[in-house]
Amino acid sequence: MNLDNLKWIKYVNDQGGKDWAYEEEKLHNIFPLNWKADQIENAAKVQCGDLILLLQKGLVTHLVEVSDDKPCKGDDSEWGVVRQVKVMWIANLKDENCIPRQRDLFGYSHKGYAGGTVKKLEKLEDIPPTWHSLDIFRRHVAGLLRLTD
């Protein structure tokens, strides 16, 4: 899988009492990815075709591709801003021991990326020093998620 469009990470969590957010989604499903109602500008930063890594509980759970051109208001709830995304990879959420950990992704345990907004990988201060380039980091992600040919 080509990860040239892997540009973002987003921390998510389930608000409905389930163990995992978006756990019912299957490979290639398109679903609404939520942002808080006051985060529409953040949701608008992401372009159609961009890839986003979703993390929960310090684990990498999904790789999704943005399928729409702009965010929309889904409803009047706290998490009422949505972007339509397609599941490109999903972890085995039934076995937490098999899910890649955040420390495996970044090479260390990082704190401070939470909040439900997308973070641009090239803007993360520690990606270049740790991985030397975003391309090397993307190759690492491909190996970690077993997306290599």
C-alpha atoms as a PDB file:
ATOM      1  CA  MET A   1       0.000   0.000   0.000  1.00  0.00           C
ATOM      2  CA  ASN A   2       1.267   3.442  -0.906  1.00  0.00           C
ATOM      3  CA  LEU A   3       1.470   5.641   2.196  1.00  0.00           C
ATOM      4  CA  ASP A   4       2.581   8.849   0.445  1.00  0.00           C
ATOM      5  CA  ASN A   5      -0.686  10.460   1.588  1.00  0.00           C
ATOM      6  CA  LEU A   6      -0.202   9.480   5.240  1.00  0.00           C
ATOM      7  CA  LYS A   7      -0.194  12.970   6.701  1.00  0.00           C
ATOM      8  CA  TRP A   8      -2.164  12.881   9.943  1.00  0.00           C
ATOM      9  CA  ILE A   9      -2.743  11.186  13.281  1.00  0.00           C
ATOM     10  CA  LYS A  10      -5.898  11.489  15.361  1.00  0.00           C
ATOM     11  CA  TYR A  11      -6.627  10.211  18.830  1.00  0.00           C
ATOM     12  CA  VAL A  12     -10.157   8.901  19.239  1.00  0.00           C
ATOM     13  CA  ASN A  13     -12.169   7.171  21.929  1.00  0.00           C
ATOM     14  CA  ASP A  14     -15.610   5.683  22.137  1.00  0.00           C
ATOM     15  CA  GLN A  15     -18.239   7.866  23.756  1.00  0.00           C
ATOM     16  CA  GLY A  16     -20.902   5.153  23.857  1.00  0.00           C
ATOM     17  CA  GLY A  17     -19.526   2.760  26.450  1.00  0.00           C
ATOM     18  CA  LYS A  18     -17.876   0.347  24.001  1.00  0.00           C
ATOM     19  CA  ASP A  19     -14.270  -0.777  24.324  1.00  0.00           C
ATOM     20  CA  TRP A  20     -13.261   0.778  20.993  1.00  0.00           C
ATOM     21  CA  ALA A  21     -14.453   3.598  18.776  1.00  0.00           C
ATOM     22  CA  TYR A  22     -15.377   2.470  15.266  1.00  0.00           C
ATOM     23  CA  GLU A  23     -14.889  -1.194  16.223  1.00  0.00           C
ATOM     24  CA  GLU A  24     -17.761  -2.357  14.012  1.00  0.00           C
ATOM     25  CA  GLU A  25     -16.152  -0.941  10.870  1.00  0.00           C
ATOM     26  CA  LYS A  26     -14.722  -3.412   8.377  1.00  0.00           C
ATOM     27  CA  LEU A  27     -11.989  -3.089   5.764  1.00  0.00           C
ATOM     28  CA  HIS A  28     -13.064  -0.765   2.911  1.00  0.00           C
ATOM     29  CA  ASN A  29     -16.176   0.436   4.787  1.00  0.00           C
ATOM     30  CA  ILE A  30     -16.881   4.157   4.591  1.00  0.00           C
ATOM     31  CA  PHE A  31     -18.015   5.707   7.855  1.00  0.00           C
ATOM     32  CA  PRO A  32     -18.336   9.146   9.504  1.00  0.00           C
ATOM     33  CA  LEU A  33     -15.254  10.067  11.561  1.00  0.00           C
ATOM     34  CA  ASN A  34     -16.251  12.501  14.296  1.00  0.00           C
ATOM     35  CA  TRP A  35     -14.757  15.742  15.560  1.00  0.00           C
ATOM     36  CA  LYS A  36     -16.089  17.915  18.378  1.00  0.00           C
ATOM     37  CA  ALA A  37     -18.592  20.552  17.290  1.00  0.00           C
ATOM     38  CA  ASP A  38     -16.050  23.341  17.865  1.00  0.00           C
ATOM     39  CA  GLN A  39     -13.326  21.595  15.797  1.00  0.00           C
ATOM     40  CA  ILE A  40     -14.710  22.164  12.296  1.00  0.00           C
ATOM     41  CA  GLU A  41     -11.622  24.184  11.281  1.00  0.00           C
ATOM     42  CA  ASN A  42      -9.382  21.299  12.323  1.00  0.00           C
ATOM     43  CA  ALA A  43     -11.536  18.823  10.374  1.00  0.00           C
ATOM     44  CA  ALA A  44     -11.286  21.095   7.313  1.00  0.00           C
ATOM     45  CA  LYS A  45      -7.466  20.834   7.255  1.00  0.00           C
ATOM     46  CA  VAL A  46      -7.663  17.279   5.948  1.00  0.00           C
ATOM     47  CA  GLN A  47      -7.959  16.856   2.171  1.00  0.00           C
ATOM     48  CA  CYS A  48      -9.787  14.180   0.205  1.00  0.00           C
ATOM     49  CA  GLY A  49      -7.374  11.256  -0.278  1.00  0.00           C
ATOM     50  CA  ASP A  50      -5.301  12.020   2.823  1.00  0.00           C
ATOM     51  CA  LEU A  51      -4.562   9.107   5.159  1.00  0.00           C
ATOM     52  CA  ILE A  52      -5.066   9.362   8.926  1.00  0.00           C
ATOM     53  CA  LEU A  53      -3.771   6.962  11.580  1.00  0.00           C
ATOM     54  CA  LEU A  54      -6.313   6.578  14.378  1.00  0.00           C
ATOM     55  CA  LEU A  55      -5.003   5.836  17.865  1.00  0.00           C
ATOM     56  CA  GLN A  56      -6.910   4.801  20.981  1.00  0.00           C
ATOM     57  CA  LYS A  57      -5.664   3.913  24.446  1.00  0.00           C
ATOM     58  CA  GLY A  58      -2.072   4.254  23.217  1.00  0.00           C
ATOM     59  CA  LEU A  59      -2.678   1.754  20.374  1.00  0.00           C
ATOM     60  CA  VAL A  60      -2.847   2.109  16.581  1.00  0.00           C
ATOM     61  CA  THR A  61      -6.327   0.879  15.654  1.00  0.00           C
ATOM     62  CA  HIS A  62      -7.156   2.159  12.162  1.00  0.00           C
ATOM     63  CA  LEU A  63      -5.710   3.645   9.005  1.00  0.00           C
ATOM     64  CA  VAL A  64      -8.391   5.593   7.130  1.00  0.00           C
ATOM     65  CA  GLU A  65      -8.555   7.536   3.874  1.00  0.00           C
ATOM     66  CA  VAL A  66     -10.630  10.717   3.685  1.00  0.00           C
ATOM     67  CA  SER A  67     -13.410  10.266   1.103  1.00  0.00           C
ATOM     68  CA  ASP A  68     -15.120  13.673   1.085  1.00  0.00           C
ATOM     69  CA  ASP A  69     -14.108  17.223   0.202  1.00  0.00           C
ATOM     70  CA  LYS A  70     -15.055  19.038   3.395  1.00  0.00           C
ATOM     71  CA  PRO A  71     -16.457  18.464   6.872  1.00  0.00           C
ATOM     72  CA  CYS A  72     -20.151  18.657   7.553  1.00  0.00           C
ATOM     73  CA  LYS A  73     -22.340  18.969  10.589  1.00  0.00           C
ATOM     74  CA  GLY A  74     -23.643  15.501  11.371  1.00  0.00           C
ATOM     75  CA  ASP A  75     -25.933  16.496  14.217  1.00  0.00           C
ATOM     76  CA  ASP A  76     -26.090  18.866  17.187  1.00  0.00           C
ATOM     77  CA  SER A  77     -24.183  16.567  19.533  1.00  0.00           C
ATOM     78  CA  GLU A  78     -20.813  17.319  21.137  1.00  0.00           C
ATOM     79  CA  TRP A  79     -19.143  15.236  18.379  1.00  0.00           C
ATOM     80  CA  GLY A  80     -21.325  16.600  15.562  1.00  0.00           C
ATOM     81  CA  VAL A  81     -18.670  17.399  12.929  1.00  0.00           C
ATOM     82  CA  VAL A  82     -17.900  14.530  10.553  1.00  0.00           C
ATOM     83  CA  ARG A  83     -15.657  13.578   7.647  1.00  0.00           C
ATOM     84  CA  GLN A  84     -16.410  10.499   5.588  1.00  0.00           C
ATOM     85  CA  VAL A  85     -13.469   8.095   5.690  1.00  0.00           C
ATOM     86  CA  LYS A  86     -12.702   4.668   4.248  1.00  0.00           C
ATOM     87  CA  VAL A  87     -11.061   1.935   6.330  1.00  0.00           C
ATOM     88  CA  MET A  88      -7.750   0.993   4.699  1.00  0.00           C
ATOM     89  CA  TRP A  89      -6.444  -1.066   7.641  1.00  0.00           C
ATOM     90  CA  ILE A  90      -7.915  -2.089  10.994  1.00  0.00           C
ATOM     91  CA  ALA A  91      -6.259  -3.840  13.913  1.00  0.00           C
ATOM     92  CA  ASN A  92      -7.587  -7.059  15.409  1.00  0.00           C
ATOM     93  CA  LEU A  93      -9.505  -5.326  18.194  1.00  0.00           C
ATOM     94  CA  LYS A  94     -10.381  -8.670  19.799  1.00  0.00           C
ATOM     95  CA  ASP A  95      -6.742  -9.258  20.796  1.00  0.00           C
ATOM     96  CA  GLU A  96      -5.158  -6.163  22.323  1.00  0.00           C
ATOM     97  CA  ASN A  97      -1.773  -7.917  22.465  1.00  0.00           C
ATOM     98  CA  CYS A  98      -1.659  -7.947  18.646  1.00  0.00           C
ATOM     99  CA  ILE A  99      -2.428  -4.241  18.205  1.00  0.00           C
ATOM    100  CA  PRO A 100       0.582  -2.029  17.425  1.00  0.00           C
ATOM    101  CA  ARG A 101       1.399   0.250  20.338  1.00  0.00           C
ATOM    102  CA  GLN A 102       2.021   3.956  20.128  1.00  0.00           C
ATOM    103  CA  ARG A 103       5.577   3.401  21.374  1.00  0.00           C
ATOM    104  CA  ASP A 104       6.124   0.967  18.471  1.00  0.00           C
ATOM    105  CA  LEU A 105       4.795   3.595  16.076  1.00  0.00           C
ATOM    106  CA  PHE A 106       6.897   6.508  17.294  1.00  0.00           C
ATOM    107  CA  GLY A 107       9.780   4.590  18.865  1.00  0.00           C
ATOM    108  CA  TYR A 108       8.874   5.874  22.335  1.00  0.00           C
ATOM    109  CA  SER A 109       5.780   6.534  24.449  1.00  0.00           C
ATOM    110  CA  HIS A 110       4.554   9.987  23.597  1.00  0.00           C
ATOM    111  CA  LYS A 111       2.017  12.018  25.494  1.00  0.00           C
ATOM    112  CA  GLY A 112       0.328  15.190  24.389  1.00  0.00           C
ATOM    113  CA  TYR A 113      -1.322  14.339  21.068  1.00  0.00           C
ATOM    114  CA  ALA A 114      -4.800  13.747  22.522  1.00  0.00           C
ATOM    115  CA  GLY A 115      -7.785  16.030  22.135  1.00  0.00           C
ATOM    116  CA  GLY A 116      -9.628  14.596  19.145  1.00  0.00           C
ATOM    117  CA  THR A 117      -8.022  16.894  16.567  1.00  0.00           C
ATOM    118  CA  VAL A 118      -5.860  15.768  13.677  1.00  0.00           C
ATOM    119  CA  LYS A 119      -2.152  16.440  14.024  1.00  0.00           C
ATOM    120  CA  LYS A 120      -0.044  16.829  10.886  1.00  0.00           C
ATOM    121  CA  LEU A 121       2.838  14.361  10.974  1.00  0.00           C
ATOM    122  CA  GLU A 122       5.314  16.743   9.352  1.00  0.00           C
ATOM    123  CA  LYS A 123       4.604  19.304  12.092  1.00  0.00           C
ATOM    124  CA  LEU A 124       5.319  16.921  14.965  1.00  0.00           C
ATOM    125  CA  GLU A 125       8.636  18.106  16.342  1.00  0.00           C
ATOM    126  CA  ASP A 126       9.885  14.627  17.171  1.00  0.00           C
ATOM    127  CA  ILE A 127       9.231  12.867  13.838  1.00  0.00           C
ATOM    128  CA  PRO A 128      12.236  14.333  11.931  1.00  0.00           C
ATOM    129  CA  PRO A 129      14.801  13.822  14.737  1.00  0.00           C
ATOM    130  CA  THR A 130      13.636  10.278  15.450  1.00  0.00           C
ATOM    131  CA  TRP A 131      13.012   9.102  11.881  1.00  0.00           C
ATOM    132  CA  HIS A 132      15.139  11.568   9.841  1.00  0.00           C
ATOM    133  CA  SER A 133      12.321  12.046   7.328  1.00  0.00           C
ATOM    134  CA  LEU A 134       8.608  11.539   6.917  1.00  0.00           C
ATOM    135  CA  ASP A 135       9.275   9.013   4.125  1.00  0.00           C
ATOM    136  CA  ILE A 136      11.316   6.810   6.476  1.00  0.00           C
ATOM    137  CA  PHE A 137       8.543   7.097   9.072  1.00  0.00           C
ATOM    138  CA  ARG A 138       5.958   6.064   6.458  1.00  0.00           C
ATOM    139  CA  ARG A 139       8.026   2.986   5.558  1.00  0.00           C
ATOM    140  CA  HIS A 140       8.191   2.149   9.264  1.00  0.00           C
ATOM    141  CA  VAL A 141       4.385   2.453   9.499  1.00  0.00           C
ATOM    142  CA  ALA A 142       3.953   0.174   6.459  1.00  0.00           C
ATOM    143  CA  GLY A 143       6.093  -2.472   8.145  1.00  0.00           C
ATOM    144  CA  LEU A 144       4.408  -2.059  11.522  1.00  0.00           C
ATOM    145  CA  LEU A 145       0.947  -2.497   9.991  1.00  0.00           C
ATOM    146  CA  ARG A 146       2.218  -5.239   7.645  1.00  0.00           C
ATOM    147  CA  LEU A 147       1.235  -3.287   4.555  1.00  0.00           C
ATOM    148  CA  THR A 148       4.423  -4.025   2.637  1.00  0.00           C
ATOM    149  CA  ASP A 149       4.386  -6.116  -0.524  1.00  0.00           C
END
